[in-house]
All heavy atoms as atom14 arrays in JSON, in Angstrom:
{
  "sequence": "TSSRLRSDRSTRLDRNTGVEERVRFVGPGGQYVFAVSYT",
  "atom14_mask": [
    [1, 1, 1, 1, 1, 1, 1, 0, 0, 0, 0, 0, 0, 0],
    [1, 1, 1, 1, 1, 1, 0, 0, 0, 0, 0, 0, 0, 0],
    [1, 1, 1, 1, 1, 1, 0, 0, 0, 0, 0, 0, 0, 0],
    [1, 1, 1, 1, 1, 1, 1, 1, 1, 1, 1, 0, 0, 0],
    [1, 1, 1, 1, 1, 1, 1, 1, 0, 0, 0, 0, 0, 0],
    [1, 1, 1, 1, 1, 1, 1, 1, 1, 1, 1, 0, 0, 0],
    [1, 1, 1, 1, 1, 1, 0, 0, 0, 0, 0, 0, 0, 0],
    [1, 1, 1, 1, 1, 1, 1, 1, 0, 0, 0, 0, 0, 0],
    [1, 1, 1, 1, 1, 1, 1, 1, 1, 1, 1, 0, 0, 0],
    [1, 1, 1, 1, 1, 1, 0, 0, 0, 0, 0, 0, 0, 0],
    [1, 1, 1, 1, 1, 1, 1, 0, 0, 0, 0, 0, 0, 0],
    [1, 1, 1, 1, 1, 1, 1, 1, 1, 1, 1, 0, 0, 0],
    [1, 1, 1, 1, 1, 1, 1, 1, 0, 0, 0, 0, 0, 0],
    [1, 1, 1, 1, 1, 1, 1, 1, 0, 0, 0, 0, 0, 0],
    [1, 1, 1, 1, 1, 1, 1, 1, 1, 1, 1, 0, 0, 0],
    [1, 1, 1, 1, 1, 1, 1, 1, 0, 0, 0, 0, 0, 0],
    [1, 1, 1, 1, 1, 1, 1, 0, 0, 0, 0, 0, 0, 0],
    [1, 1, 1, 1, 0, 0, 0, 0, 0, 0, 0, 0, 0, 0],
    [1, 1, 1, 1, 1, 1, 1, 0, 0, 0, 0, 0, 0, 0],
    [1, 1, 1, 1, 1, 1, 1, 1, 1, 0, 0, 0, 0, 0],
    [1, 1, 1, 1, 1, 1, 1, 1, 1, 0, 0, 0, 0, 0],
    [1, 1, 1, 1, 1, 1, 1, 1, 1, 1, 1, 0, 0, 0],
    [1, 1, 1, 1, 1, 1, 1, 0, 0, 0, 0, 0, 0, 0],
    [1, 1, 1, 1, 1, 1, 1, 1, 1, 1, 1, 0, 0, 0],
    [1, 1, 1, 1, 1, 1, 1, 1, 1, 1, 1, 0, 0, 0],
    [1, 1, 1, 1, 1, 1, 1, 0, 0, 0, 0, 0, 0, 0],
    [1, 1, 1, 1, 0, 0, 0, 0, 0, 0, 0, 0, 0, 0],
    [1, 1, 1, 1, 1, 1, 1, 0, 0, 0, 0, 0, 0, 0],
    [1, 1, 1, 1, 0, 0, 0, 0, 0, 0, 0, 0, 0, 0],
    [1, 1, 1, 1, 0, 0, 0, 0, 0, 0, 0, 0, 0, 0],
    [1, 1, 1, 1, 1, 1, 1, 1, 1, 0, 0, 0, 0, 0],
    [1, 1, 1, 1, 1, 1, 1, 1, 1, 1, 1, 1, 0, 0],
    [1, 1, 1, 1, 1, 1, 1, 0, 0, 0, 0, 0, 0, 0],
    [1, 1, 1, 1, 1, 1, 1, 1, 1, 1, 1, 0, 0, 0],
    [1, 1, 1, 1, 1, 0, 0, 0, 0, 0, 0, 0, 0, 0],
    [1, 1, 1, 1, 1, 1, 1, 0, 0, 0, 0, 0, 0, 0],
    [1, 1, 1, 1, 1, 1, 0, 0, 0, 0, 0, 0, 0, 0],
    [1, 1, 1, 1, 1, 1, 1, 1, 1, 1, 1, 1, 0, 0],
    [1, 1, 1, 1, 1, 1, 1, 0, 0, 0, 0, 0, 0, 0]
  ],
  "atom14_positions": [
    [[-80.02, -33.93, -145.52], [-81.44, -33.96, -145.82], [-81.74, -34.12, -147.31], [-82.85, -33.92, -147.75], [-82.12, -32.67, -145.33], [-81.53, -31.55, -146.02], [-81.94, -32.5, -143.84], [0.0, 0.0, 0.0], [0.0, 0.0, 0.0], [0.0, 0.0, 0.0], [0.0, 0.0, 0.0], [0.0, 0.0, 0.0], [0.0, 0.0, 0.0], [0.0, 0.0, 0.0]],
    [[-80.75, -34.47, -148.11], [-80.94, -34.48, -149.55], [-82.01, -35.46, -150.0], [-82.6, -35.31, -151.06], [-79.61, -34.8, -150.26], [-79.13, -36.05, -149.84], [0.0, 0.0, 0.0], [0.0, 0.0, 0.0], [0.0, 0.0, 0.0], [0.0, 0.0, 0.0], [0.0, 0.0, 0.0], [0.0, 0.0, 0.0], [0.0, 0.0, 0.0], [0.0, 0.0, 0.0]],
    [[-82.29, -36.5, -149.22], [-83.28, -37.49, -149.63], [-84.66, -37.23, -149.03], [-85.58, -37.99, -149.25], [-82.82, -38.89, -149.21], [-82.73, -38.98, -147.79], [0.0, 0.0, 0.0], [0.0, 0.0, 0.0], [0.0, 0.0, 0.0], [0.0, 0.0, 0.0], [0.0, 0.0, 0.0], [0.0, 0.0, 0.0], [0.0, 0.0, 0.0], [0.0, 0.0, 0.0]],
    [[-84.82, -36.12, -148.31], [-86.1, -35.84, -147.68], [-87.14, -35.45, -148.72], [-86.82, -34.8, -149.72], [-85.97, -34.71, -146.66], [-85.15, -35.11, -145.43], [-85.29, -34.03, -144.37], [-84.43, -34.3, -143.23], [-84.79, -35.03, -142.21], [-85.97, -35.6, -142.17], [-83.96, -35.22, -141.2], [0.0, 0.0, 0.0], [0.0, 0.0, 0.0], [0.0, 0.0, 0.0]],
    [[-88.38, -35.81, -148.46], [-89.47, -35.43, -149.33], [-90.15, -34.19, -148.78], [-90.1, -33.89, -147.6], [-90.5, -36.58, -149.42], [-89.97, -37.9, -149.97], [-91.07, -38.95, -149.93], [-89.46, -37.72, -151.39], [0.0, 0.0, 0.0], [0.0, 0.0, 0.0], [0.0, 0.0, 0.0], [0.0, 0.0, 0.0], [0.0, 0.0, 0.0], [0.0, 0.0, 0.0]],
    [[-90.83, -33.46, -149.65], [-91.49, -32.24, -149.26], [-92.55, -32.51, -148.18], [-92.84, -31.67, -147.34], [-92.14, -31.59, -150.49], [-92.59, -30.16, -150.25], [-93.21, -29.63, -151.53], [-93.46, -28.21, -151.43], [-92.56, -27.27, -151.66], [-91.33, -27.62, -151.96], [-92.86, -26.0, -151.57], [0.0, 0.0, 0.0], [0.0, 0.0, 0.0], [0.0, 0.0, 0.0]],
    [[-93.17, -33.69, -148.21], [-94.23, -34.0, -147.26], [-93.7, -34.42, -145.89], [-94.47, -34.6, -144.95], [-95.12, -35.12, -147.8], [-94.36, -36.28, -148.02], [0.0, 0.0, 0.0], [0.0, 0.0, 0.0], [0.0, 0.0, 0.0], [0.0, 0.0, 0.0], [0.0, 0.0, 0.0], [0.0, 0.0, 0.0], [0.0, 0.0, 0.0], [0.0, 0.0, 0.0]],
    [[-92.39, -34.59, -145.77], [-91.79, -35.02, -144.51], [-91.75, -33.82, -143.56], [-90.96, -32.92, -143.72], [-90.37, -35.54, -144.76], [-89.72, -36.01, -143.47], [-90.41, -36.18, -142.47], [-88.5, -36.19, -143.49], [0.0, 0.0, 0.0], [0.0, 0.0, 0.0], [0.0, 0.0, 0.0], [0.0, 0.0, 0.0], [0.0, 0.0, 0.0], [0.0, 0.0, 0.0]],
    [[-92.62, -33.8, -142.58], [-92.66, -32.7, -141.65], [-93.24, -33.19, -140.33], [-93.92, -34.2, -140.27], [-93.49, -31.53, -142.2], [-94.95, -31.88, -142.42], [-95.65, -30.8, -143.21], [-97.07, -31.08, -143.33], [-97.89, -30.41, -144.11], [-97.43, -29.42, -144.83], [-99.16, -30.71, -144.17], [0.0, 0.0, 0.0], [0.0, 0.0, 0.0], [0.0, 0.0, 0.0]],
    [[-92.98, -32.45, -139.3], [-93.53, -32.81, -137.99], [-94.11, -31.56, -137.36], [-93.69, -30.44, -137.64], [-92.44, -33.42, -137.1], [-91.39, -32.5, -136.89], [0.0, 0.0, 0.0], [0.0, 0.0, 0.0], [0.0, 0.0, 0.0], [0.0, 0.0, 0.0], [0.0, 0.0, 0.0], [0.0, 0.0, 0.0], [0.0, 0.0, 0.0], [0.0, 0.0, 0.0]],
    [[-95.08, -31.76, -136.48], [-95.8, -30.65, -135.86], [-95.84, -30.84, -134.35], [-96.03, -31.95, -133.86], [-97.24, -30.57, -136.41], [-97.19, -30.39, -137.83], [-98.0, -29.41, -135.78], [0.0, 0.0, 0.0], [0.0, 0.0, 0.0], [0.0, 0.0, 0.0], [0.0, 0.0, 0.0], [0.0, 0.0, 0.0], [0.0, 0.0, 0.0], [0.0, 0.0, 0.0]],
    [[-95.68, -29.75, -133.64], [-95.79, -29.75, -132.18], [-96.83, -28.71, -131.79], [-96.71, -27.54, -132.18], [-94.45, -29.42, -131.54], [-94.48, -29.23, -130.03], [-93.09, -28.88, -129.51], [-93.07, -28.67, -128.07], [-93.25, -27.48, -127.49], [-93.45, -26.4, -128.24], [-93.21, -27.36, -126.18], [0.0, 0.0, 0.0], [0.0, 0.0, 0.0], [0.0, 0.0, 0.0]],
    [[-97.84, -29.11, -131.05], [-98.87, -28.19, -130.58], [-98.69, -27.95, -129.09], [-98.63, -28.89, -128.3], [-100.27, -28.76, -130.85], [-100.63, -29.05, -132.3], [-102.04, -29.63, -132.38], [-100.52, -27.79, -133.14], [0.0, 0.0, 0.0], [0.0, 0.0, 0.0], [0.0, 0.0, 0.0], [0.0, 0.0, 0.0], [0.0, 0.0, 0.0], [0.0, 0.0, 0.0]],
    [[-98.61, -26.68, -128.71], [-98.51, -26.31, -127.31], [-99.82, -25.63, -126.92], [-100.03, -24.45, -127.24], [-97.33, -25.37, -127.08], [-97.05, -25.12, -125.6], [-98.02, -25.16, -124.81], [-95.89, -24.88, -125.25], [0.0, 0.0, 0.0], [0.0, 0.0, 0.0], [0.0, 0.0, 0.0], [0.0, 0.0, 0.0], [0.0, 0.0, 0.0], [0.0, 0.0, 0.0]],
    [[-100.71, -26.38, -126.27], [-102.01, -25.82, -125.92], [-101.91, -24.74, -124.85], [-102.78, -23.87, -124.76], [-102.92, -26.95, -125.42], [-103.17, -28.05, -126.45], [-103.93, -27.54, -127.65], [-104.18, -28.61, -128.63], [-104.75, -28.4, -129.81], [-105.11, -27.18, -130.16], [-104.94, -29.43, -130.63], [0.0, 0.0, 0.0], [0.0, 0.0, 0.0], [0.0, 0.0, 0.0]],
    [[-100.87, -24.79, -124.04], [-100.73, -23.78, -122.98], [-100.43, -22.4, -123.55], [-100.95, -21.4, -123.07], [-99.62, -24.19, -122.0], [-99.98, -25.42, -121.2], [-101.14, -25.61, -120.85], [-98.99, -26.25, -120.93], [0.0, 0.0, 0.0], [0.0, 0.0, 0.0], [0.0, 0.0, 0.0], [0.0, 0.0, 0.0], [0.0, 0.0, 0.0], [0.0, 0.0, 0.0]],
    [[-99.57, -22.35, -124.57], [-99.21, -21.07, -125.18], [-100.0, -20.78, -126.44], [-99.98, -19.66, -126.94], [-97.71, -21.04, -125.51], [-97.42, -22.08, -126.46], [-96.87, -21.23, -124.27], [0.0, 0.0, 0.0], [0.0, 0.0, 0.0], [0.0, 0.0, 0.0], [0.0, 0.0, 0.0], [0.0, 0.0, 0.0], [0.0, 0.0, 0.0], [0.0, 0.0, 0.0]],
    [[-100.7, -21.79, -126.98], [-101.46, -21.58, -128.21], [-100.59, -21.45, -129.44], [-100.89, -20.64, -130.33], [0.0, 0.0, 0.0], [0.0, 0.0, 0.0], [0.0, 0.0, 0.0], [0.0, 0.0, 0.0], [0.0, 0.0, 0.0], [0.0, 0.0, 0.0], [0.0, 0.0, 0.0], [0.0, 0.0, 0.0], [0.0, 0.0, 0.0], [0.0, 0.0, 0.0]],
    [[-99.54, -22.25, -129.5], [-98.58, -22.15, -130.61], [-98.44, -23.5, -131.32], [-98.31, -24.54, -130.66], [-97.2, -21.69, -130.11], [-96.16, -21.75, -131.23], [-97.29, -20.28, -129.53], [0.0, 0.0, 0.0], [0.0, 0.0, 0.0], [0.0, 0.0, 0.0], [0.0, 0.0, 0.0], [0.0, 0.0, 0.0], [0.0, 0.0, 0.0], [0.0, 0.0, 0.0]],
    [[-98.43, -23.46, -132.63], [-98.11, -24.63, -133.45], [-96.71, -24.46, -134.01], [-96.41, -23.46, -134.66], [-99.1, -24.79, -134.6], [-98.74, -25.95, -135.54], [-99.55, -25.94, -136.82], [-99.09, -25.27, -137.79], [-100.61, -26.57, -136.86], [0.0, 0.0, 0.0], [0.0, 0.0, 0.0], [0.0, 0.0, 0.0], [0.0, 0.0, 0.0], [0.0, 0.0, 0.0]],
    [[-95.84, -25.45, -133.77], [-94.5, -25.48, -134.36], [-94.49, -26.55, -135.44], [-94.89, -27.68, -135.19], [-93.44, -25.81, -133.31], [-93.3, -24.79, -132.21], [-92.19, -25.15, -131.24], [-91.25, -25.88, -131.65], [-92.26, -24.73, -130.07], [0.0, 0.0, 0.0], [0.0, 0.0, 0.0], [0.0, 0.0, 0.0], [0.0, 0.0, 0.0], [0.0, 0.0, 0.0]],
    [[-94.01, -26.19, -136.62], [-94.0, -27.16, -137.71], [-92.67, -27.12, -138.45], [-92.2, -26.05, -138.86], [-95.13, -26.88, -138.69], [-95.13, -27.8, -139.9], [-96.37, -27.62, -140.75], [-97.57, -28.05, -140.02], [-98.79, -28.02, -140.55], [-98.97, -27.56, -141.78], [-99.82, -28.43, -139.85], [0.0, 0.0, 0.0], [0.0, 0.0, 0.0], [0.0, 0.0, 0.0]],
    [[-92.06, -28.28, -138.6], [-90.85, -28.41, -139.41], [-91.25, -28.47, -140.88], [-92.16, -29.21, -141.26], [-90.07, -29.68, -139.02], [-88.91, -29.93, -139.98], [-89.56, -29.57, -137.59], [0.0, 0.0, 0.0], [0.0, 0.0, 0.0], [0.0, 0.0, 0.0], [0.0, 0.0, 0.0], [0.0, 0.0, 0.0], [0.0, 0.0, 0.0], [0.0, 0.0, 0.0]],
    [[-90.57, -27.71, -141.7], [-90.89, -27.65, -143.12], [-89.61, -27.72, -143.96], [-88.53, -27.37, -143.49], [-91.62, -26.34, -143.47], [-92.93, -26.12, -142.71], [-93.39, -24.69, -142.91], [-94.63, -24.39, -142.21], [-95.83, -24.43, -142.75], [-95.97, -24.78, -144.02], [-96.91, -24.13, -142.05], [0.0, 0.0, 0.0], [0.0, 0.0, 0.0], [0.0, 0.0, 0.0]],
    [[-89.77, -28.15, -145.21], [-88.69, -28.1, -146.18], [-89.24, -27.38, -147.41], [-90.15, -27.88, -148.07], [-88.2, -29.51, -146.55], [-87.51, -30.19, -145.39], [-88.23, -30.99, -144.51], [-86.16, -30.01, -145.19], [-87.62, -31.6, -143.44], [-85.53, -30.62, -144.11], [-86.25, -31.42, -143.23], [0.0, 0.0, 0.0], [0.0, 0.0, 0.0], [0.0, 0.0, 0.0]],
    [[-88.72, -26.18, -147.68], [-89.25, -25.35, -148.75], [-88.23, -25.23, -149.87], [-87.04, -25.42, -149.68], [-89.65, -23.95, -148.24], [-90.65, -24.07, -147.08], [-88.42, -23.16, -147.78], [0.0, 0.0, 0.0], [0.0, 0.0, 0.0], [0.0, 0.0, 0.0], [0.0, 0.0, 0.0], [0.0, 0.0, 0.0], [0.0, 0.0, 0.0], [0.0, 0.0, 0.0]],
    [[-88.74, -24.92, -151.06], [-87.88, -24.78, -152.22], [-87.93, -26.0, -153.11], [-88.63, -26.98, -152.82], [0.0, 0.0, 0.0], [0.0, 0.0, 0.0], [0.0, 0.0, 0.0], [0.0, 0.0, 0.0], [0.0, 0.0, 0.0], [0.0, 0.0, 0.0], [0.0, 0.0, 0.0], [0.0, 0.0, 0.0], [0.0, 0.0, 0.0], [0.0, 0.0, 0.0]],
    [[-87.18, -25.99, -154.21], [-87.19, -27.1, -155.17], [-86.48, -28.33, -154.63], [-85.61, -28.24, -153.75], [-86.45, -26.52, -156.38], [-85.53, -25.49, -155.81], [-86.29, -24.88, -154.66], [0.0, 0.0, 0.0], [0.0, 0.0, 0.0], [0.0, 0.0, 0.0], [0.0, 0.0, 0.0], [0.0, 0.0, 0.0], [0.0, 0.0, 0.0], [0.0, 0.0, 0.0]],
    [[-86.84, -29.5, -155.14], [-86.22, -30.75, -154.74], [-84.72, -30.72, -154.9], [-84.19, -30.23, -155.89], [0.0, 0.0, 0.0], [0.0, 0.0, 0.0], [0.0, 0.0, 0.0], [0.0, 0.0, 0.0], [0.0, 0.0, 0.0], [0.0, 0.0, 0.0], [0.0, 0.0, 0.0], [0.0, 0.0, 0.0], [0.0, 0.0, 0.0], [0.0, 0.0, 0.0]],
    [[-84.02, -31.26, -153.91], [-82.56, -31.26, -153.93], [-81.95, -29.97, -153.42], [-80.74, -29.89, -153.21], [0.0, 0.0, 0.0], [0.0, 0.0, 0.0], [0.0, 0.0, 0.0], [0.0, 0.0, 0.0], [0.0, 0.0, 0.0], [0.0, 0.0, 0.0], [0.0, 0.0, 0.0], [0.0, 0.0, 0.0], [0.0, 0.0, 0.0], [0.0, 0.0, 0.0]],
    [[-82.8, -28.94, -153.25], [-82.33, -27.64, -152.75], [-83.23, -27.17, -151.6], [-83.46, -25.98, -151.43], [-82.32, -26.61, -153.88], [-81.29, -26.86, -154.95], [-79.87, -26.71, -154.41], [-79.57, -25.74, -153.7], [-79.0, -27.64, -154.73], [0.0, 0.0, 0.0], [0.0, 0.0, 0.0], [0.0, 0.0, 0.0], [0.0, 0.0, 0.0], [0.0, 0.0, 0.0]],
    [[-83.74, -28.12, -150.83], [-84.67, -27.76, -149.77], [-83.99, -26.9, -148.69], [-82.86, -27.16, -148.29], [-85.22, -29.01, -149.09], [-86.22, -29.79, -149.93], [-86.25, -31.18, -149.87], [-87.14, -29.12, -150.74], [-87.17, -31.91, -150.62], [-88.05, -29.84, -151.49], [-88.07, -31.22, -151.43], [-88.98, -31.93, -152.17], [0.0, 0.0, 0.0], [0.0, 0.0, 0.0]],
    [[-84.74, -25.91, -148.24], [-84.33, -25.1, -147.1], [-85.1, -25.59, -145.88], [-86.34, -25.63, -145.9], [-84.63, -23.6, -147.35], [-84.3, -22.78, -146.1], [-83.86, -23.09, -148.56], [0.0, 0.0, 0.0], [0.0, 0.0, 0.0], [0.0, 0.0, 0.0], [0.0, 0.0, 0.0], [0.0, 0.0, 0.0], [0.0, 0.0, 0.0], [0.0, 0.0, 0.0]],
    [[-84.39, -25.99, -144.85], [-85.02, -26.43, -143.61], [-85.53, -25.21, -142.86], [-84.81, -24.22, -142.68], [-84.0, -27.17, -142.75], [-84.47, -27.46, -141.34], [-85.22, -28.59, -141.06], [-84.15, -26.6, -140.3], [-85.64, -28.87, -139.77], [-84.57, -26.87, -138.99], [-85.31, -28.01, -138.73], [0.0, 0.0, 0.0], [0.0, 0.0, 0.0], [0.0, 0.0, 0.0]],
    [[-86.79, -25.26, -142.43], [-87.37, -24.15, -141.69], [-88.3, -24.68, -140.62], [-88.86, -25.77, -140.74], [-88.14, -23.22, -142.63], [0.0, 0.0, 0.0], [0.0, 0.0, 0.0], [0.0, 0.0, 0.0], [0.0, 0.0, 0.0], [0.0, 0.0, 0.0], [0.0, 0.0, 0.0], [0.0, 0.0, 0.0], [0.0, 0.0, 0.0], [0.0, 0.0, 0.0]],
    [[-88.47, -23.91, -139.57], [-89.44, -24.21, -138.52], [-90.35, -23.0, -138.39], [-89.87, -21.88, -138.17], [-88.78, -24.52, -137.17], [-89.85, -24.9, -136.14], [-87.76, -25.64, -137.32], [0.0, 0.0, 0.0], [0.0, 0.0, 0.0], [0.0, 0.0, 0.0], [0.0, 0.0, 0.0], [0.0, 0.0, 0.0], [0.0, 0.0, 0.0], [0.0, 0.0, 0.0]],
    [[-91.66, -23.22, -138.56], [-92.62, -22.13, -138.42], [-93.3, -22.22, -137.06], [-93.53, -23.3, -136.52], [-93.67, -22.19, -139.53], [-94.42, -23.39, -139.46], [0.0, 0.0, 0.0], [0.0, 0.0, 0.0], [0.0, 0.0, 0.0], [0.0, 0.0, 0.0], [0.0, 0.0, 0.0], [0.0, 0.0, 0.0], [0.0, 0.0, 0.0], [0.0, 0.0, 0.0]],
    [[-93.61, -21.06, -136.5], [-94.28, -20.93, -135.21], [-95.51, -20.07, -135.46], [-95.39, -18.88, -135.78], [-93.36, -20.27, -134.19], [-92.07, -21.02, -133.96], [-91.03, -20.95, -134.88], [-91.89, -21.79, -132.81], [-89.85, -21.64, -134.67], [-90.71, -22.48, -132.59], [-89.69, -22.4, -133.53], [-88.51, -23.08, -133.33], [0.0, 0.0, 0.0], [0.0, 0.0, 0.0]],
    [[-96.7, -20.66, -135.31], [-97.93, -20.0, -135.7], [-98.91, -19.96, -134.55], [-99.13, -20.99, -133.89], [-98.58, -20.74, -136.88], [-97.62, -20.9, -137.93], [-99.78, -19.97, -137.41], [0.0, 0.0, 0.0], [0.0, 0.0, 0.0], [0.0, 0.0, 0.0], [0.0, 0.0, 0.0], [0.0, 0.0, 0.0], [0.0, 0.0, 0.0], [0.0, 0.0, 0.0]]
  ]
}
C-alpha cells in the first residue's frame, strides 16, 4: 500500500443493521496504517 493516497478509501453501508464500514489509511505518508472503522 505504499503508493496509496490518504483519500483512497471505500465505504459500505448496511441499512439493515445501521452500520457504516469505511476503509481508512491513517498516519503520515509512507507510514500509513490500514484500518477499517465500523460506525
